[in-house]
C-alpha atoms as a PDB file:
ATOM      1  CA  MET A   1      53.621 -63.749  14.003  1.00  0.00           C
ATOM      2  CA  THR A   2      54.831 -61.161  12.339  1.00  0.00           C
ATOM      3  CA  GLY A   3      52.927 -62.059   9.058  1.00  0.00           C
ATOM      4  CA  ILE A   4      49.553 -61.962  10.945  1.00  0.00           C
ATOM      5  CA  ARG A   5      50.426 -58.205  13.122  1.00  0.00           C
ATOM      6  CA  ASP A   6      51.816 -56.904   9.805  1.00  0.00           C
ATOM      7  CA  CYS A   7      48.243 -57.462   7.974  1.00  0.00           C
ATOM      8  CA  SER A   8      46.379 -56.779  11.644  1.00  0.00           C
ATOM      9  CA  GLN A   9      48.470 -53.572  10.936  1.00  0.00           C
ATOM     10  CA  SER A  10      48.007 -51.909   7.589  1.00  0.00           C
ATOM     11  CA  HIS A  11      44.214 -53.344   8.033  1.00  0.00           C
ATOM     12  CA  GLY A  12      44.241 -50.432  10.033  1.00  0.00           C
ATOM     13  CA  GLN A  13      45.764 -48.133   8.251  1.00  0.00           C
ATOM     14  CA  ARG A  14      43.673 -48.931   5.817  1.00  0.00           C
ATOM     15  CA  ASP A  15      41.245 -48.566   8.042  1.00  0.00           C
ATOM     16  CA  HIS A  16      42.321 -44.728   8.820  1.00  0.00           C
ATOM     17  CA  HIS A  17      43.750 -43.095   5.574  1.00  0.00           C
ATOM     18  CA  SER A  18      39.621 -44.135   4.436  1.00  0.00           C
ATOM     19  CA  TRP A  19      38.005 -42.339   7.141  1.00  0.00           C
ATOM     20  CA  ARG A  20      41.084 -39.097   6.956  1.00  0.00           C
ATOM     21  CA  ALA A  21      40.063 -40.076   3.062  1.00  0.00           C
ATOM     22  CA  ILE A  22      35.924 -39.623   3.736  1.00  0.00           C
ATOM     23  CA  ALA A  23      36.754 -36.518   5.687  1.00  0.00           C
ATOM     24  CA  VAL A  24      38.498 -34.868   3.287  1.00  0.00           C
ATOM     25  CA  THR A  25      36.433 -35.341   0.912  1.00  0.00           C
ATOM     26  CA  LEU A  26      33.705 -34.168   2.925  1.00  0.00           C
ATOM     27  CA  SER A  27      35.562 -31.240   4.079  1.00  0.00           C
ATOM     28  CA  HIS A  28      36.153 -30.060  -0.124  1.00  0.00           C
ATOM     29  CA  ARG A  29      32.586 -30.602  -0.357  1.00  0.00           C
ATOM     30  CA  HIS A  30      31.687 -28.506   2.388  1.00  0.00           C
ATOM     31  CA  ARG A  31      33.550 -25.948   1.098  1.00  0.00           C
ATOM     32  CA  ARG A  32      32.491 -26.121  -2.098  1.00  0.00           C
ATOM     33  CA  ASN A  33      28.934 -25.973  -0.836  1.00  0.00           C
ATOM     34  CA  LEU A  34      29.855 -23.152   2.084  1.00  0.00           C
ATOM     35  CA  THR A  35      31.393 -21.601  -1.062  1.00  0.00           C
ATOM     36  CA  LEU A  36      28.521 -21.590  -3.306  1.00  0.00           C
ATOM     37  CA  ALA A  37      25.986 -20.297  -0.835  1.00  0.00           C
ATOM     38  CA  VAL A  38      28.346 -16.944  -0.047  1.00  0.00           C
ATOM     39  CA  ILE A  39      28.463 -16.848  -4.064  1.00  0.00           C
ATOM     40  CA  LEU A  40      24.753 -17.330  -3.920  1.00  0.00           C
ATOM     41  CA  ALA A  41      23.815 -14.780  -0.925  1.00  0.00           C
ATOM     42  CA  ILE A  42      26.149 -12.201  -1.915  1.00  0.00           C
ATOM     43  CA  GLY A  43      23.971 -12.556  -5.993  1.00  0.00           C
ATOM     44  CA  ILE A  44      20.985 -12.229  -3.950  1.00  0.00           C
ATOM     45  CA  ILE A  45      21.985  -8.563  -1.967  1.00  0.00           C
ATOM     46  CA  LEU A  46      23.122  -7.962  -5.239  1.00  0.00           C
ATOM     47  CA  ALA A  47      20.427  -7.525  -7.101  1.00  0.00           C
ATOM     48  CA  VAL A  48      18.168  -6.763  -4.281  1.00  0.00           C
ATOM     49  CA  LEU A  49      19.831  -3.550  -2.682  1.00  0.00           C
ATOM     50  CA  PRO A  50      19.440  -1.780  -6.420  1.00  0.00           C
ATOM     51  CA  VAL A  51      15.781  -2.433  -6.763  1.00  0.00           C
ATOM     52  CA  SER A  52      15.097  -1.502  -3.300  1.00  0.00           C
ATOM     53  CA  LEU A  53      16.834   1.337  -3.503  1.00  0.00           C
ATOM     54  CA  LEU A  54      13.538   2.736  -6.361  1.00  0.00           C
ATOM     55  CA  PRO A  55      11.084   4.930  -5.362  1.00  0.00           C
ATOM     56  CA  GLN A  56       8.167   2.295  -5.002  1.00  0.00           C
ATOM     57  CA  PRO A  57       5.668   4.940  -3.214  1.00  0.00           C
ATOM     58  CA  TRP A  58       3.186   1.931  -2.524  1.00  0.00           C
ATOM     59  CA  SER A  59       5.459  -0.358  -0.417  1.00  0.00           C
ATOM     60  CA  ASP A  60       4.670   0.409   2.779  1.00  0.00           C
ATOM     61  CA  VAL A  61       0.929   1.723   1.820  1.00  0.00           C
ATOM     62  CA  ALA A  62      -0.831  -1.766   3.603  1.00  0.00           C
ATOM     63  CA  SER A  63       0.847  -0.778   7.031  1.00  0.00           C
ATOM     64  CA  ASN A  64      -0.384   2.974   7.054  1.00  0.00           C
ATOM     65  CA  ALA A  65      -3.876   2.552   5.583  1.00  0.00           C
ATOM     66  CA  GLY A  66      -4.597  -0.526   7.655  1.00  0.00           C
ATOM     67  CA  ASP A  67      -3.867   1.244  10.613  1.00  0.00           C
ATOM     68  CA  ASP A  68      -5.741   4.180  10.694  1.00  0.00           C
ATOM     69  CA  SER A  69      -2.110   6.082  11.373  1.00  0.00           C
ATOM     70  CA  SER A  70      -3.452   9.186   8.836  1.00  0.00           C
ATOM     71  CA  ARG A  71      -4.589  11.666  11.408  1.00  0.00           C
ATOM     72  CA  THR A  72      -7.470  14.008  11.030  1.00  0.00           C
ATOM     73  CA  MET A  73      -6.818  17.158  11.868  1.00  0.00           C
ATOM     74  CA  PRO A  74      -7.349  17.861  15.697  1.00  0.00           C
ATOM     75  CA  THR A  75     -11.518  19.039  16.212  1.00  0.00           C
ATOM     76  CA  THR A  76     -12.109  20.734  19.267  1.00  0.00           C
ATOM     77  CA  SER A  77     -15.658  21.572  20.822  1.00  0.00           C
ATOM     78  CA  GLU A  78     -16.578  24.497  18.246  1.00  0.00           C
ATOM     79  CA  HIS A  79     -18.033  23.422  14.386  1.00  0.00           C
ATOM     80  CA  PRO A  80     -20.447  25.392  12.172  1.00  0.00           C
ATOM     81  CA  GLU A  81     -23.172  25.128  12.683  1.00  0.00           C
ATOM     82  CA  PHE A  82     -25.010  22.624  10.533  1.00  0.00           C
ATOM     83  CA  THR A  83     -28.676  22.569   9.222  1.00  0.00           C
ATOM     84  CA  GLY A  84     -30.716  20.382   7.095  1.00  0.00           C
ATOM     85  CA  PRO A  85     -31.625  17.250   6.567  1.00  0.00           C
ATOM     86  CA  HIS A  86     -27.566  16.243   5.840  1.00  0.00           C
ATOM     87  CA  LYS A  87     -26.366  18.401   9.407  1.00  0.00           C
ATOM     88  CA  TYR A  88     -25.851  15.190  10.901  1.00  0.00           C
ATOM     89  CA  GLU A  89     -22.953  14.062   7.946  1.00  0.00           C
ATOM     90  CA  ALA A  90     -21.597  17.316   7.377  1.00  0.00           C
ATOM     91  CA  LEU A  91     -21.191  17.369  11.232  1.00  0.00           C
ATOM     92  CA  THR A  92     -19.491  13.131  10.728  1.00  0.00           C
ATOM     93  CA  ALA A  93     -17.495  14.716   7.710  1.00  0.00           C
ATOM     94  CA  TRP A  94     -15.984  17.974   9.839  1.00  0.00           C
ATOM     95  CA  ASN A  95     -14.624  15.750  12.021  1.00  0.00           C
ATOM     96  CA  ASN A  96     -12.772  13.273   9.822  1.00  0.00           C
ATOM     97  CA  LEU A  97     -11.476  15.697   7.667  1.00  0.00           C
ATOM     98  CA  HIS A  98      -8.018  16.063   6.672  1.00  0.00           C
ATOM     99  CA  THR A  99      -7.278  19.229   5.389  1.00  0.00           C
ATOM    100  CA  GLY A 100      -8.169  22.241   5.345  1.00  0.00           C
ATOM    101  CA  LEU A 101      -8.888  22.763   1.274  1.00  0.00           C
ATOM    102  CA  GLY A 102     -11.745  20.122   3.247  1.00  0.00           C
ATOM    103  CA  ARG A 103     -12.432  22.341   6.533  1.00  0.00           C
ATOM    104  CA  SER A 104     -12.701  25.672   3.814  1.00  0.00           C
ATOM    105  CA  ILE A 105     -15.522  23.741   1.314  1.00  0.00           C
ATOM    106  CA  LEU A 106     -17.488  22.529   4.631  1.00  0.00           C
ATOM    107  CA  GLU A 107     -17.031  25.618   6.539  1.00  0.00           C
ATOM    108  CA  ASP A 108     -21.506  26.479   4.801  1.00  0.00           C
ATOM    109  CA  GLY A 109     -22.264  23.375   5.702  1.00  0.00           C
ATOM    110  CA  VAL A 110     -22.072  22.331   1.356  1.00  0.00           C
ATOM    111  CA  VAL A 111     -20.544  20.761  -1.277  1.00  0.00           C
ATOM    112  CA  THR A 112     -20.912  21.904  -4.763  1.00  0.00           C
ATOM    113  CA  PRO A 113     -19.630  20.446  -7.789  1.00  0.00           C
ATOM    114  CA  ASP A 114     -16.760  22.803  -8.284  1.00  0.00           C
ATOM    115  CA  GLU A 115     -15.788  22.354  -4.261  1.00  0.00           C
ATOM    116  CA  LEU A 116     -16.084  19.032  -5.317  1.00  0.00           C
ATOM    117  CA  ALA A 117     -14.346  19.189  -8.513  1.00  0.00           C
ATOM    118  CA  GLU A 118     -11.541  20.701  -6.393  1.00  0.00           C
ATOM    119  CA  VAL A 119     -11.532  17.407  -4.193  1.00  0.00           C
ATOM    120  CA  ARG A 120     -11.398  15.399  -6.487  1.00  0.00           C
ATOM    121  CA  LYS A 121      -8.375  17.784  -8.183  1.00  0.00           C
ATOM    122  CA  ALA A 122      -5.848  16.035  -4.866  1.00  0.00           C
ATOM    123  CA  TYR A 123      -7.778  12.695  -4.946  1.00  0.00           C
ATOM    124  CA  ASN A 124      -6.278  12.097  -8.510  1.00  0.00           C
ATOM    125  CA  GLU A 125      -3.016  14.212  -7.203  1.00  0.00           C
ATOM    126  CA  CYS A 126      -2.813  11.001  -4.459  1.00  0.00           C
ATOM    127  CA  LEU A 127      -3.488   8.945  -6.853  1.00  0.00           C
ATOM    128  CA  SER A 128      -1.497   9.829  -9.688  1.00  0.00           C
ATOM    129  CA  VAL A 129       1.811   9.394  -7.701  1.00  0.00           C
ATOM    130  CA  TYR A 130       0.636   5.712  -6.765  1.00  0.00           C
ATOM    131  CA  GLY A 131       0.325   4.974 -10.759  1.00  0.00           C
ATOM    132  CA  MET A 132      -3.439   5.301 -10.227  1.00  0.00           C
ATOM    133  CA  GLN A 133      -5.878   7.277 -11.709  1.00  0.00           C
ATOM    134  CA  ALA A 134      -9.899   8.364 -10.788  1.00  0.00           C
ATOM    135  CA  LYS A 135     -12.247   8.282 -13.652  1.00  0.00           C
ATOM    136  CA  THR A 136     -15.697   9.426 -13.093  1.00  0.00           C
ATOM    137  CA  ILE A 137     -18.511   7.420 -14.680  1.00  0.00           C
ATOM    138  CA  THR A 138     -21.760   9.230 -15.977  1.00  0.00           C
ATOM    139  CA  ASP A 139     -25.050   7.906 -17.358  1.00  0.00           C
ATOM    140  CA  GLY A 140     -26.820   8.836 -20.148  1.00  0.00           C
ATOM    141  CA  ASN A 141     -27.273  12.109 -18.716  1.00  0.00           C
ATOM    142  CA  GLY A 142     -23.691  13.092 -17.623  1.00  0.00           C
ATOM    143  CA  GLU A 143     -24.874  12.314 -13.889  1.00  0.00           C
ATOM    144  CA  ALA A 144     -22.224  11.221 -12.000  1.00  0.00           C
ATOM    145  CA  ILE A 145     -22.960   7.612 -11.297  1.00  0.00           C
ATOM    146  CA  GLY A 146     -19.857   6.108 -10.075  1.00  0.00           C
ATOM    147  CA  GLU A 147     -16.056   5.803  -9.989  1.00  0.00           C
ATOM    148  CA  SER A 148     -13.570   3.633 -12.045  1.00  0.00           C
ATOM    149  CA  VAL A 149     -10.125   3.900 -10.637  1.00  0.00           C
ATOM    150  CA  VAL A 150      -7.342   2.509 -14.034  1.00  0.00           C
ATOM    151  CA  PRO A 151      -3.871   1.549 -12.990  1.00  0.00           C
ATOM    152  CA  ILE A 152      -2.023   4.031 -15.670  1.00  0.00           C
ATOM    153  CA  ARG A 153       1.324   2.520 -14.951  1.00  0.00           C
ATOM    154  CA  GLY A 154       3.545   0.273 -12.683  1.00  0.00           C
ATOM    155  CA  SER A 155       2.319  -3.206 -11.351  1.00  0.00           C
ATOM    156  CA  MET A 156       0.221  -3.578  -7.796  1.00  0.00           C
ATOM    157  CA  SER A 157      -1.416  -6.112  -6.243  1.00  0.00           C
ATOM    158  CA  GLY A 158      -5.759  -5.647  -6.005  1.00  0.00           C
ATOM    159  CA  ARG A 159      -4.821  -5.408  -2.954  1.00  0.00           C
ATOM    160  CA  GLN A 160      -2.277  -2.871  -2.878  1.00  0.00           C
ATOM    161  CA  GLN A 161      -4.448  -0.760  -4.984  1.00  0.00           C
ATOM    162  CA  SER A 162      -7.324  -0.758  -2.604  1.00  0.00           C
ATOM    163  CA  SER A 163      -5.194   0.274   0.050  1.00  0.00           C
ATOM    164  CA  ILE A 164      -3.756   3.426  -1.498  1.00  0.00           C
ATOM    165  CA  ILE A 165      -7.297   4.492  -3.027  1.00  0.00           C
ATOM    166  CA  GLU A 166      -8.647   4.721   0.853  1.00  0.00           C
ATOM    167  CA  GLN A 167      -5.660   5.881   1.860  1.00  0.00           C
ATOM    168  CA  CYS A 168      -6.250   8.413  -0.929  1.00  0.00           C
ATOM    169  CA  ARG A 169      -9.562   8.883  -0.583  1.00  0.00           C
ATOM    170  CA  THR A 170      -9.294   9.452   3.081  1.00  0.00           C
ATOM    171  CA  GLU A 171      -6.112  11.770   3.432  1.00  0.00           C
ATOM    172  CA  SER A 172      -8.326  13.874   0.313  1.00  0.00           C
ATOM    173  CA  ASP A 173     -10.946  14.228   2.514  1.00  0.00           C
ATOM    174  CA  TYR A 174     -13.089  12.818  -1.021  1.00  0.00           C
ATOM    175  CA  ARG A 175     -13.871  10.050   1.137  1.00  0.00           C
ATOM    176  CA  TRP A 176     -16.017  11.873   3.186  1.00  0.00           C
ATOM    177  CA  LEU A 177     -17.125  15.305   0.591  1.00  0.00           C
ATOM    178  CA  GLU A 178     -17.587  13.100  -2.051  1.00  0.00           C
ATOM    179  CA  PRO A 179     -20.917  11.457  -0.540  1.00  0.00           C
ATOM    180  CA  LEU A 180     -22.126  14.587   1.016  1.00  0.00           C
ATOM    181  CA  ALA A 181     -22.236  16.474  -1.854  1.00  0.00           C
ATOM    182  CA  THR A 182     -24.689  13.294  -3.675  1.00  0.00           C
ATOM    183  CA  ALA A 183     -26.691  13.187  -1.233  1.00  0.00           C
ATOM    184  CA  GLN A 184     -27.391  17.415  -1.344  1.00  0.00           C
ATOM    185  CA  SER A 185     -27.343  16.841  -5.046  1.00  0.00           C
ATOM    186  CA  ALA A 186     -29.963  14.324  -4.755  1.00  0.00           C
ATOM    187  CA  GLU A 187     -31.786  16.493  -2.580  1.00  0.00           C
ATOM    188  CA  GLN A 188     -30.898  19.962  -4.798  1.00  0.00           C
ATOM    189  CA  SER A 189     -32.516  17.337  -8.231  1.00  0.00           C
ATOM    190  CA  THR A 190     -35.539  15.909  -5.722  1.00  0.00           C
ATOM    191  CA  LYS A 191     -36.529  19.594  -4.828  1.00  0.00           C
ATOM    192  CA  GLU A 192     -36.149  21.069  -8.410  1.00  0.00           C
ATOM    193  CA  SER A 193     -38.568  18.300  -9.522  1.00  0.00           C
ATOM    194  CA  GLN A 194     -41.161  19.337  -7.695  1.00  0.00           C
END
């Protein structure tokens, strides 16, 4: 009987040892995987941290531009007495202007080509911060027929570019004064041709 008992004990001891070997093996694998995960996480942090500290003026544009966080200048019931066929457009523009430059230009109700050039300069200064520049497209007679915004450095998605363009158009008052200047110029050209 002792032979049977010895056999069963050694078999039990073997089972105990094999479970212990499996546990130790799993423990080694687990520690190795955990060590690799920690090293990988530290490597990612060390790679991302310096990049996140670099200036990226466009990084929060989508949230700024999308939620109308750009504030207009405070308006009161007092505004210039706009007259003429574009008086309502001028009043709408006045109530949405962001800059003192825009207000000083629109006070007389007319946006001249030279005044529009000042606003376009402010618009391009805003765009240049983000590595873009607006170019005026002209026809064969030198008349402006549109605009193209081109990247001059950096790379952004089309969505980011669109958000920046809208933000800069609004913050420089180009958004409101350019259409008004175009309408006034077209009206002036019509009067001159008659």
